[in-house]
N, C-alpha and C. Protein backbone atom coordinates (compact mmCIF):
# COMPACT_ATOMS: atom_id res chain seq x y z
N MET A 1 -36.50 -21.62 -24.52
CA MET A 1 -36.22 -20.22 -24.24
C MET A 1 -36.31 -19.98 -22.73
N SER A 2 -35.32 -19.33 -22.19
CA SER A 2 -35.28 -19.07 -20.76
C SER A 2 -36.15 -17.89 -20.39
N GLU A 3 -36.69 -17.95 -19.20
CA GLU A 3 -37.47 -16.83 -18.68
C GLU A 3 -36.51 -15.74 -18.23
N THR A 4 -36.84 -14.49 -18.53
CA THR A 4 -36.01 -13.38 -18.09
C THR A 4 -36.80 -12.51 -17.12
N VAL A 5 -36.07 -11.75 -16.32
CA VAL A 5 -36.67 -10.79 -15.40
C VAL A 5 -35.99 -9.45 -15.62
N ARG A 6 -36.71 -8.40 -15.34
CA ARG A 6 -36.17 -7.04 -15.44
C ARG A 6 -35.65 -6.64 -14.07
N ILE A 7 -34.37 -6.26 -14.02
CA ILE A 7 -33.77 -5.75 -12.79
C ILE A 7 -33.14 -4.40 -13.10
N TYR A 8 -32.61 -3.76 -12.07
CA TYR A 8 -31.96 -2.46 -12.24
C TYR A 8 -30.63 -2.48 -11.51
N ILE A 9 -29.60 -2.04 -12.21
CA ILE A 9 -28.27 -1.91 -11.60
C ILE A 9 -27.83 -0.47 -11.79
N ASN A 10 -27.60 0.21 -10.68
CA ASN A 10 -27.25 1.64 -10.72
C ASN A 10 -28.22 2.41 -11.61
N SER A 11 -29.49 2.16 -11.43
CA SER A 11 -30.61 2.83 -12.12
C SER A 11 -30.77 2.43 -13.58
N LYS A 12 -29.96 1.53 -14.09
CA LYS A 12 -30.06 1.10 -15.49
C LYS A 12 -30.86 -0.19 -15.58
N PRO A 13 -31.90 -0.23 -16.42
CA PRO A 13 -32.68 -1.46 -16.56
C PRO A 13 -31.88 -2.53 -17.31
N LEU A 14 -32.09 -3.77 -16.91
CA LEU A 14 -31.37 -4.88 -17.51
C LEU A 14 -32.25 -6.12 -17.44
N ASP A 15 -32.37 -6.84 -18.54
CA ASP A 15 -33.09 -8.10 -18.56
C ASP A 15 -32.08 -9.23 -18.46
N VAL A 16 -32.26 -10.10 -17.46
CA VAL A 16 -31.35 -11.23 -17.25
C VAL A 16 -32.17 -12.50 -17.04
N GLU A 17 -31.52 -13.64 -17.15
CA GLU A 17 -32.20 -14.91 -16.89
C GLU A 17 -32.70 -14.93 -15.45
N ALA A 18 -33.86 -15.51 -15.25
CA ALA A 18 -34.47 -15.57 -13.93
C ALA A 18 -33.62 -16.33 -12.92
N THR A 19 -32.72 -17.18 -13.39
CA THR A 19 -31.87 -17.97 -12.50
C THR A 19 -30.52 -17.31 -12.23
N ALA A 20 -30.29 -16.12 -12.76
CA ALA A 20 -29.00 -15.44 -12.60
C ALA A 20 -28.78 -15.00 -11.15
N THR A 21 -27.53 -14.99 -10.75
CA THR A 21 -27.18 -14.43 -9.44
C THR A 21 -26.92 -12.94 -9.60
N ALA A 22 -26.84 -12.25 -8.47
CA ALA A 22 -26.56 -10.82 -8.51
C ALA A 22 -25.24 -10.55 -9.22
N LEU A 23 -24.22 -11.35 -8.93
CA LEU A 23 -22.92 -11.15 -9.58
C LEU A 23 -22.98 -11.44 -11.07
N GLU A 24 -23.70 -12.47 -11.47
CA GLU A 24 -23.85 -12.76 -12.90
C GLU A 24 -24.57 -11.62 -13.61
N ALA A 25 -25.55 -11.03 -12.94
CA ALA A 25 -26.27 -9.90 -13.52
C ALA A 25 -25.34 -8.70 -13.69
N VAL A 26 -24.52 -8.45 -12.68
CA VAL A 26 -23.55 -7.35 -12.79
C VAL A 26 -22.59 -7.62 -13.94
N ALA A 27 -22.14 -8.85 -14.09
CA ALA A 27 -21.22 -9.19 -15.18
C ALA A 27 -21.87 -8.96 -16.54
N ALA A 28 -23.16 -9.25 -16.65
CA ALA A 28 -23.87 -9.01 -17.91
C ALA A 28 -23.99 -7.51 -18.18
N TRP A 29 -24.07 -6.72 -17.12
CA TRP A 29 -24.20 -5.27 -17.24
C TRP A 29 -22.84 -4.62 -17.50
N ASP A 30 -21.80 -5.02 -16.73
CA ASP A 30 -20.48 -4.39 -16.84
C ASP A 30 -19.44 -5.33 -16.24
N GLU A 31 -18.69 -5.99 -17.09
CA GLU A 31 -17.71 -6.98 -16.62
C GLU A 31 -16.62 -6.33 -15.76
N THR A 32 -16.28 -5.07 -16.02
CA THR A 32 -15.27 -4.38 -15.21
C THR A 32 -15.74 -4.25 -13.77
N GLN A 33 -17.00 -3.89 -13.59
CA GLN A 33 -17.56 -3.79 -12.24
C GLN A 33 -17.62 -5.16 -11.56
N ALA A 34 -17.96 -6.19 -12.33
CA ALA A 34 -18.01 -7.54 -11.78
C ALA A 34 -16.62 -7.97 -11.30
N ALA A 35 -15.59 -7.64 -12.07
CA ALA A 35 -14.22 -7.97 -11.68
C ALA A 35 -13.84 -7.23 -10.39
N ALA A 36 -14.27 -5.98 -10.27
CA ALA A 36 -13.99 -5.21 -9.05
C ALA A 36 -14.70 -5.81 -7.84
N ILE A 37 -15.87 -6.37 -8.05
CA ILE A 37 -16.58 -7.05 -6.96
C ILE A 37 -15.84 -8.32 -6.57
N ARG A 38 -15.43 -9.08 -7.56
CA ARG A 38 -14.68 -10.33 -7.28
C ARG A 38 -13.39 -10.05 -6.52
N SER A 39 -12.74 -8.92 -6.82
CA SER A 39 -11.47 -8.60 -6.16
C SER A 39 -11.66 -7.94 -4.80
N GLY A 40 -12.89 -7.59 -4.45
CA GLY A 40 -13.16 -6.97 -3.16
C GLY A 40 -13.13 -5.46 -3.15
N GLU A 41 -12.89 -4.83 -4.30
CA GLU A 41 -12.86 -3.37 -4.37
C GLU A 41 -14.26 -2.77 -4.30
N ARG A 42 -15.24 -3.49 -4.81
CA ARG A 42 -16.62 -3.02 -4.84
C ARG A 42 -17.51 -4.11 -4.27
N MET A 43 -18.75 -3.72 -3.95
CA MET A 43 -19.72 -4.70 -3.47
C MET A 43 -21.10 -4.33 -4.00
N ILE A 44 -21.99 -5.29 -3.92
CA ILE A 44 -23.36 -5.11 -4.38
C ILE A 44 -24.23 -4.81 -3.17
N THR A 45 -25.06 -3.77 -3.27
CA THR A 45 -26.04 -3.49 -2.23
C THR A 45 -27.43 -3.48 -2.85
N ASP A 46 -28.44 -3.56 -1.98
CA ASP A 46 -29.81 -3.44 -2.47
C ASP A 46 -30.18 -1.97 -2.50
N SER A 47 -31.43 -1.68 -2.77
CA SER A 47 -31.87 -0.29 -2.90
C SER A 47 -31.75 0.49 -1.60
N ARG A 48 -31.65 -0.21 -0.46
CA ARG A 48 -31.53 0.45 0.84
C ARG A 48 -30.09 0.64 1.27
N GLY A 49 -29.15 0.11 0.48
CA GLY A 49 -27.74 0.21 0.82
C GLY A 49 -27.24 -0.94 1.67
N ILE A 50 -28.05 -1.99 1.82
CA ILE A 50 -27.65 -3.16 2.58
C ILE A 50 -26.92 -4.12 1.65
N GLN A 51 -25.77 -4.61 2.10
CA GLN A 51 -24.97 -5.49 1.25
C GLN A 51 -25.77 -6.72 0.84
N THR A 52 -25.63 -7.08 -0.43
CA THR A 52 -26.28 -8.26 -1.00
C THR A 52 -25.21 -9.28 -1.33
N ALA A 53 -25.45 -10.53 -0.95
CA ALA A 53 -24.50 -11.60 -1.28
C ALA A 53 -24.41 -11.77 -2.79
N ASN A 54 -23.21 -11.99 -3.28
CA ASN A 54 -23.00 -12.14 -4.73
C ASN A 54 -23.83 -13.28 -5.30
N GLU A 55 -24.08 -14.32 -4.51
CA GLU A 55 -24.80 -15.48 -5.02
C GLU A 55 -26.31 -15.39 -4.87
N THR A 56 -26.82 -14.24 -4.43
CA THR A 56 -28.26 -14.04 -4.33
C THR A 56 -28.89 -14.14 -5.71
N VAL A 57 -29.95 -14.93 -5.82
CA VAL A 57 -30.66 -15.06 -7.10
C VAL A 57 -31.52 -13.82 -7.30
N VAL A 58 -31.49 -13.28 -8.51
CA VAL A 58 -32.25 -12.06 -8.82
C VAL A 58 -33.74 -12.36 -8.82
N HIS A 59 -34.54 -11.31 -8.72
CA HIS A 59 -35.99 -11.43 -8.87
C HIS A 59 -36.48 -10.23 -9.66
N ASN A 60 -37.66 -10.36 -10.22
CA ASN A 60 -38.20 -9.30 -11.05
C ASN A 60 -38.30 -8.00 -10.25
N GLY A 61 -37.75 -6.93 -10.80
CA GLY A 61 -37.80 -5.62 -10.15
C GLY A 61 -36.69 -5.36 -9.15
N ALA A 62 -35.77 -6.31 -8.98
CA ALA A 62 -34.67 -6.12 -8.03
C ALA A 62 -33.87 -4.88 -8.39
N ILE A 63 -33.44 -4.17 -7.36
CA ILE A 63 -32.62 -2.97 -7.54
C ILE A 63 -31.29 -3.20 -6.83
N PHE A 64 -30.22 -3.12 -7.60
CA PHE A 64 -28.88 -3.29 -7.05
C PHE A 64 -28.07 -2.03 -7.31
N ARG A 65 -27.17 -1.74 -6.39
CA ARG A 65 -26.23 -0.64 -6.57
C ARG A 65 -24.82 -1.20 -6.34
N ILE A 66 -23.88 -0.68 -7.10
CA ILE A 66 -22.49 -1.08 -6.96
C ILE A 66 -21.77 0.06 -6.24
N VAL A 67 -21.16 -0.26 -5.10
CA VAL A 67 -20.51 0.76 -4.27
C VAL A 67 -19.11 0.31 -3.88
N ARG A 68 -18.31 1.25 -3.40
CA ARG A 68 -16.98 0.90 -2.88
C ARG A 68 -17.13 -0.02 -1.69
N ALA A 69 -16.27 -1.01 -1.60
CA ALA A 69 -16.38 -1.99 -0.52
C ALA A 69 -15.73 -1.53 0.77
N ARG A 70 -14.71 -0.74 0.67
CA ARG A 70 -13.98 -0.34 1.87
C ARG A 70 -13.86 1.17 1.94
N GLN A 71 -13.99 1.65 3.14
CA GLN A 71 -13.80 3.07 3.37
C GLN A 71 -12.43 3.26 4.00
N THR A 72 -11.66 4.18 3.48
CA THR A 72 -10.35 4.47 4.06
C THR A 72 -10.48 5.63 5.03
N ALA A 73 -9.49 5.80 5.88
CA ALA A 73 -9.52 6.87 6.86
C ALA A 73 -9.68 8.23 6.19
N GLY A 74 -9.06 8.41 5.05
CA GLY A 74 -9.16 9.68 4.33
C GLY A 74 -10.55 9.96 3.79
N ASP A 75 -11.36 8.90 3.63
CA ASP A 75 -12.72 9.06 3.14
C ASP A 75 -13.70 9.39 4.26
N ASP A 76 -13.31 9.15 5.51
CA ASP A 76 -14.20 9.32 6.65
C ASP A 76 -13.95 10.68 7.28
N LEU A 77 -14.91 11.58 7.13
CA LEU A 77 -14.75 12.94 7.66
C LEU A 77 -14.75 12.95 9.19
N ASP A 78 -15.28 11.90 9.82
CA ASP A 78 -15.31 11.82 11.28
C ASP A 78 -14.11 11.07 11.84
N TYR A 79 -13.17 10.67 11.00
CA TYR A 79 -12.02 9.88 11.43
C TYR A 79 -11.16 10.69 12.38
N ASP A 80 -10.79 10.07 13.49
CA ASP A 80 -9.92 10.69 14.48
C ASP A 80 -8.76 9.73 14.72
N SER A 81 -7.56 10.12 14.34
CA SER A 81 -6.40 9.23 14.45
C SER A 81 -5.86 9.11 15.87
N LEU A 82 -6.46 9.81 16.83
CA LEU A 82 -5.97 9.74 18.21
C LEU A 82 -6.22 8.43 18.76
């Protein structure tokens, strides 16, 4: 029997294998979000909003958030096209 750890993705608790990567954990939580990460549309951040590498091994209590990977000019209120 494999050891599991409790992590959180977008505030939702999830038990995954202790050897899982952040991306594998996201795939266990929501395969659609994992596909968006693989395609570059979304990325994984830690609880502080700092990008986390997909291959980072999870640890007990880890907090991950799934966010948009790219900001477009229309999303940036401070954008100046000059």
